[in-house]
Amino acid sequence: MRRVFGALALAAALAGPAAAQTPDDLYAAGKYEDAVAAGTAANTPEGLEIATHAAFAAAMLKDKPCLECLQRAEALARRAIAADPKRPAPHVYLAGILGYEGRIVGMVQAKLNGYPEEAKREIDTALARDPDDPRALAARGGWNLAIVATGGATMADWIYGAGTDQGRADFAKALKLAPDDATLRLQYALSLSALDRDGYRADIQSALERAQTGTPRTAYDKVSQTRALALLNLLKANKLDAYDALVRKFEGYP
C-alpha cells in the first residue's frame, strides 16, 4: 500500500501544478467575479477586454438593475479601449453598457448625458475595425430598433438617422454570420418585442425558438437559452402581460 501511495505522490509531483484558468476560461464557466479579477490583474488589452465582458455579464444577471455594476463595467471598457483602441469588442461592450445605463436613468437624462450618440460612435468604431463582427452588427441593429421604439420612427430618423429597416438588416447579417449564437437571437427577440410585439410576433417567436437549437459555448449562452425559453412559453400561451413584463426585465428597465 505504501508503494501505491508513493507512486501516486511521485506521479503528482512530476505532473506539476494544475494549469491555472485564464480569464477567458473563467468567463466561459460563469465565474464572472473571478474573471474580472484575473483580467484586471493581467492588465493587458486581452485581460481587460475579458474583465469588461465579465463585469457586463454580471450586471445583466442581477435580479434588479444595478447602475453601480454597469458603471464598473463602463470603467473597465474605457480602460480596455485605452489599452488597445483597435480591438472591436470593448467598443461594442461600452455601447451596450451605455444603453443599459440609459434605461436606468431614463430617456431624458440619457439624452442629456449623450448616451445614444456615444453608443453609436462606439458601434461605428467597432464596425470600422471589423465590418463583419456579429456582435457589432447586432449592437447597431439593437441601437436602431431601440431608438425607434423610444422616440417613434419620425423622430428617430430626424434626430439620429435611425430606422427599423436598418436595424432588422443588421440583425439579419449578424445572425447569418453567427447562426448558433443564442444570445444574439435573444437580443433580436427583445429588440423586436420592445418595438412592436404584435407586429413582429412571428419573427420574435422564430428567434426565440432558434435560440434553443445552438450548443451553448458559455454559461451566459445557457442563461440566454433559459431566458428565451421562458419568453417563448409565455408568448405561446398568450400570457402577454407577463411576457411584456419579462421583456422589460431582461431589457434592464427598473
Protein backbone atom coordinates (compact mmCIF):
# COMPACT_ATOMS: atom_id res chain seq x y z
CA MET A 1 0.00 0.00 0.00
CA ARG A 2 2.84 2.38 0.84
CA ARG A 3 4.32 1.73 -2.61
CA VAL A 4 0.98 2.64 -4.22
CA PHE A 5 0.77 5.93 -2.32
CA GLY A 6 4.39 6.63 -3.06
CA ALA A 7 3.84 6.06 -6.77
CA LEU A 8 0.84 8.36 -6.76
CA ALA A 9 2.73 11.10 -4.96
CA LEU A 10 5.61 10.81 -7.39
CA ALA A 11 3.25 11.00 -10.38
CA ALA A 12 1.60 14.11 -8.95
CA ALA A 13 4.96 15.75 -8.36
CA LEU A 14 6.10 15.00 -11.90
CA ALA A 15 2.83 16.30 -13.36
CA GLY A 16 3.32 19.64 -11.61
CA PRO A 17 0.54 22.05 -10.54
CA ALA A 18 -2.74 22.13 -12.44
CA ALA A 19 -2.86 24.72 -15.18
CA ALA A 20 -4.38 27.97 -13.97
CA GLN A 21 -7.64 29.04 -15.57
CA THR A 22 -7.37 32.01 -17.89
CA PRO A 23 -9.75 34.98 -17.65
CA ASP A 24 -11.43 33.63 -20.79
CA ASP A 25 -11.90 30.21 -19.14
CA LEU A 26 -13.36 31.84 -16.06
CA TYR A 27 -15.79 33.89 -18.14
CA ALA A 28 -16.92 30.86 -20.12
CA ALA A 29 -17.57 28.98 -16.86
CA GLY A 30 -19.71 31.81 -15.49
CA LYS A 31 -17.18 32.77 -12.80
CA TYR A 32 -17.59 36.43 -13.56
CA GLU A 33 -16.04 38.00 -10.47
CA ASP A 34 -13.02 35.73 -10.81
CA ALA A 35 -12.76 36.68 -14.49
CA VAL A 36 -12.90 40.38 -13.60
CA ALA A 37 -10.16 39.93 -11.01
CA ALA A 38 -7.94 37.84 -13.30
CA GLY A 39 -8.43 40.15 -16.27
CA THR A 40 -7.68 43.33 -14.37
CA ALA A 41 -4.68 41.70 -12.69
CA ALA A 42 -3.29 40.77 -16.11
CA ASN A 43 -3.75 44.42 -17.14
CA THR A 44 -3.33 43.53 -20.81
CA PRO A 45 -5.73 44.53 -23.62
CA GLU A 46 -6.96 40.92 -23.75
CA GLY A 47 -7.36 40.68 -19.99
CA LEU A 48 -9.19 44.00 -19.70
CA GLU A 49 -11.50 43.01 -22.55
CA ILE A 50 -12.50 39.81 -20.74
CA ALA A 51 -12.83 41.69 -17.44
CA THR A 52 -15.22 44.11 -19.15
CA HIS A 53 -17.24 41.29 -20.66
CA ALA A 54 -17.47 39.53 -17.30
CA ALA A 55 -18.46 42.69 -15.41
CA PHE A 56 -21.12 43.43 -18.03
CA ALA A 57 -22.45 39.86 -17.83
CA ALA A 58 -22.58 40.01 -14.04
CA ALA A 59 -24.54 43.26 -14.21
CA MET A 60 -27.01 41.76 -16.70
CA LEU A 61 -27.69 38.80 -14.43
CA LYS A 62 -28.60 40.87 -11.38
CA ASP A 63 -32.16 40.35 -10.26
CA LYS A 64 -32.70 44.12 -10.36
CA PRO A 65 -30.99 46.80 -12.47
CA CYS A 66 -27.71 47.88 -10.88
CA LEU A 67 -26.33 51.22 -12.07
CA GLU A 68 -23.18 50.87 -9.97
CA CYS A 69 -22.49 47.46 -11.55
CA LEU A 70 -22.83 48.93 -15.02
CA GLN A 71 -20.60 51.85 -14.12
CA ARG A 72 -17.92 49.39 -13.04
CA ALA A 73 -18.22 47.66 -16.39
CA GLU A 74 -18.11 51.03 -18.15
CA ALA A 75 -14.86 51.97 -16.39
CA LEU A 76 -13.32 48.64 -17.41
CA ALA A 77 -14.47 49.11 -21.02
CA ARG A 78 -12.80 52.51 -21.14
CA ARG A 79 -9.61 51.02 -19.74
CA ALA A 80 -9.69 48.26 -22.35
CA ILE A 81 -10.22 50.78 -25.14
CA ALA A 82 -7.36 52.93 -23.87
CA ALA A 83 -5.12 49.86 -23.74
CA ASP A 84 -5.85 48.98 -27.39
CA PRO A 85 -8.34 51.14 -29.33
CA LYS A 86 -8.16 48.79 -32.32
CA ARG A 87 -9.92 45.88 -30.59
CA PRO A 88 -13.63 45.93 -31.63
CA ALA A 89 -15.16 44.12 -28.65
CA PRO A 90 -14.58 46.75 -25.92
CA HIS A 91 -16.26 49.36 -28.12
CA VAL A 92 -19.28 47.06 -28.52
CA TYR A 93 -19.42 46.41 -24.78
CA LEU A 94 -19.23 50.12 -23.98
CA ALA A 95 -22.09 50.84 -26.38
CA GLY A 96 -24.22 48.14 -24.75
CA ILE A 97 -23.38 49.32 -21.25
CA LEU A 98 -24.37 52.89 -22.08
CA GLY A 99 -27.67 51.61 -23.45
CA TYR A 100 -28.48 49.78 -20.23
CA GLU A 101 -27.40 52.74 -18.12
CA GLY A 102 -29.74 54.91 -20.17
CA ARG A 103 -32.68 52.67 -19.34
CA ILE A 104 -32.00 53.06 -15.64
CA VAL A 105 -31.53 56.85 -15.59
CA GLY A 106 -34.39 57.47 -18.02
CA MET A 107 -34.71 58.80 -21.55
CA VAL A 108 -34.29 62.50 -20.69
CA GLN A 109 -31.16 62.02 -18.57
CA ALA A 110 -29.72 59.58 -21.10
CA LYS A 111 -30.12 62.21 -23.81
CA LEU A 112 -28.53 64.87 -21.60
CA ASN A 113 -25.63 62.51 -20.92
CA GLY A 114 -25.22 61.90 -24.64
CA TYR A 115 -25.56 58.13 -24.27
CA PRO A 116 -27.30 57.43 -27.62
CA GLU A 117 -24.73 59.42 -29.60
CA GLU A 118 -21.75 57.97 -27.78
CA ALA A 119 -23.08 54.43 -28.11
CA LYS A 120 -23.47 54.88 -31.87
CA ARG A 121 -19.91 56.25 -32.16
CA GLU A 122 -18.56 53.21 -30.32
CA ILE A 123 -20.51 50.82 -32.56
CA ASP A 124 -19.31 52.62 -35.68
CA THR A 125 -15.73 52.39 -34.41
CA ALA A 126 -16.07 48.65 -33.84
CA LEU A 127 -17.51 48.12 -37.32
CA ALA A 128 -14.75 50.20 -38.86
CA ARG A 129 -12.30 47.74 -37.28
CA ASP A 130 -14.30 44.68 -38.37
CA PRO A 131 -17.36 45.16 -40.62
CA ASP A 132 -18.35 41.51 -40.17
CA ASP A 133 -18.27 41.35 -36.38
CA PRO A 134 -21.64 39.77 -35.44
CA ARG A 135 -21.72 41.43 -32.03
CA ALA A 136 -21.09 44.87 -33.50
CA LEU A 137 -23.72 44.34 -36.19
CA ALA A 138 -26.26 43.18 -33.61
CA ALA A 139 -25.37 46.16 -31.44
CA ARG A 140 -26.09 48.53 -34.32
CA GLY A 141 -29.30 46.66 -35.04
CA GLY A 142 -30.35 46.93 -31.42
CA TRP A 143 -29.41 50.63 -31.32
CA ASN A 144 -31.59 51.39 -34.35
CA LEU A 145 -34.58 49.45 -33.05
CA ALA A 146 -34.27 50.93 -29.56
CA ILE A 147 -34.16 54.49 -30.89
CA VAL A 148 -37.30 53.88 -32.95
CA ALA A 149 -39.05 52.15 -30.05
CA THR A 150 -38.25 55.04 -27.72
CA GLY A 151 -38.91 58.08 -29.89
CA GLY A 152 -41.00 56.83 -32.79
CA ALA A 153 -39.95 56.35 -36.39
CA THR A 154 -40.11 60.00 -37.45
CA MET A 155 -38.13 61.41 -34.53
CA ALA A 156 -35.64 58.53 -34.67
CA ASP A 157 -34.89 59.25 -38.31
CA TRP A 158 -34.82 63.03 -37.92
CA ILE A 159 -32.61 63.25 -34.83
CA TYR A 160 -30.44 60.12 -35.11
CA GLY A 161 -30.88 58.74 -38.61
CA ALA A 162 -32.13 55.52 -37.05
CA GLY A 163 -34.62 53.22 -38.72
CA THR A 164 -36.36 49.88 -38.36
CA ASP A 165 -35.21 48.59 -41.75
CA GLN A 166 -31.56 49.25 -40.92
CA GLY A 167 -31.94 47.61 -37.53
CA ARG A 168 -33.51 44.46 -38.93
CA ALA A 169 -30.96 44.27 -41.74
CA ASP A 170 -28.09 44.49 -39.25
CA PHE A 171 -29.56 41.71 -37.14
CA ALA A 172 -30.14 39.57 -40.22
CA LYS A 173 -26.49 39.89 -41.19
CA ALA A 174 -25.31 39.24 -37.63
CA LEU A 175 -27.42 36.09 -37.33
CA LYS A 176 -26.26 34.84 -40.71
CA LEU A 177 -22.66 35.20 -39.53
CA ALA A 178 -23.39 33.62 -36.13
CA PRO A 179 -26.46 31.38 -36.65
CA ASP A 180 -25.99 29.40 -33.42
CA ASP A 181 -25.49 32.36 -31.10
CA ALA A 182 -28.33 32.13 -28.59
CA THR A 183 -27.53 35.48 -27.03
CA LEU A 184 -27.86 37.33 -30.34
CA ARG A 185 -31.15 35.51 -31.04
CA LEU A 186 -32.48 36.60 -27.66
CA GLN A 187 -31.26 40.14 -28.22
CA TYR A 188 -33.14 40.29 -31.53
CA ALA A 189 -36.34 38.98 -29.95
CA LEU A 190 -36.11 41.51 -27.12
CA SER A 191 -35.48 44.40 -29.52
CA LEU A 192 -38.45 43.47 -31.71
CA SER A 193 -40.66 42.92 -28.67
CA ALA A 194 -39.89 46.39 -27.34
CA LEU A 195 -40.59 47.87 -30.77
CA ASP A 196 -43.83 46.09 -31.73
CA ARG A 197 -44.56 42.74 -30.14
CA ASP A 198 -47.72 42.08 -32.12
CA GLY A 199 -46.45 43.34 -35.46
CA TYR A 200 -43.30 41.21 -35.31
CA ARG A 201 -44.71 38.28 -33.39
CA ALA A 202 -43.77 35.65 -35.99
CA ASP A 203 -40.17 36.90 -36.17
CA ILE A 204 -39.95 37.08 -32.39
CA GLN A 205 -41.21 33.53 -31.95
CA SER A 206 -38.80 32.28 -34.60
CA ALA A 207 -35.86 33.97 -32.88
CA LEU A 208 -36.81 32.52 -29.50
CA GLU A 209 -37.20 29.04 -30.99
CA ARG A 210 -33.89 29.26 -32.86
CA ALA A 211 -32.18 30.28 -29.63
CA GLN A 212 -32.85 26.78 -28.33
CA THR A 213 -31.12 24.96 -31.18
CA GLY A 214 -27.49 26.02 -30.83
CA THR A 215 -24.99 24.41 -28.49
CA PRO A 216 -24.12 26.93 -25.73
CA ARG A 217 -20.44 27.84 -25.67
CA THR A 218 -20.52 29.66 -22.35
CA ALA A 219 -22.53 29.83 -19.16
CA TYR A 220 -24.02 33.09 -20.40
CA ASP A 221 -25.25 31.37 -23.56
CA LYS A 222 -27.05 28.85 -21.34
CA VAL A 223 -28.72 31.72 -19.47
CA SER A 224 -29.76 33.24 -22.79
CA GLN A 225 -31.35 29.95 -23.82
CA THR A 226 -33.18 29.72 -20.50
CA ARG A 227 -34.46 33.28 -20.83
CA ALA A 228 -35.50 32.71 -24.43
CA LEU A 229 -37.44 29.59 -23.44
CA ALA A 230 -39.24 31.43 -20.64
CA LEU A 231 -40.31 34.14 -23.07
CA LEU A 232 -41.31 31.61 -25.72
CA ASN A 233 -43.53 29.71 -23.30
CA LEU A 234 -45.34 32.90 -22.27
CA LEU A 235 -45.74 34.02 -25.87
CA LYS A 236 -47.17 30.67 -26.98
CA ALA A 237 -49.53 30.66 -24.00
CA ASN A 238 -50.63 34.18 -24.98
CA LYS A 239 -49.76 35.44 -21.50
CA LEU A 240 -48.82 38.79 -22.96
CA ASP A 241 -48.78 40.92 -19.81
CA ALA A 242 -46.34 38.52 -18.19
CA TYR A 243 -44.38 38.36 -21.44
CA ASP A 244 -44.07 42.14 -21.67
CA ALA A 245 -43.00 42.37 -18.03
CA LEU A 246 -40.27 39.78 -18.60
CA VAL A 247 -39.08 41.60 -21.73
CA ARG A 248 -38.69 44.79 -19.70
CA LYS A 249 -36.80 42.91 -17.01
CA PHE A 250 -34.40 41.32 -19.47
CA GLU A 251 -34.00 44.68 -21.22
CA GLY A 252 -32.81 46.13 -17.91
CA TYR A 253 -35.61 48.55 -17.12
CA PRO A 254 -36.25 49.40 -13.44
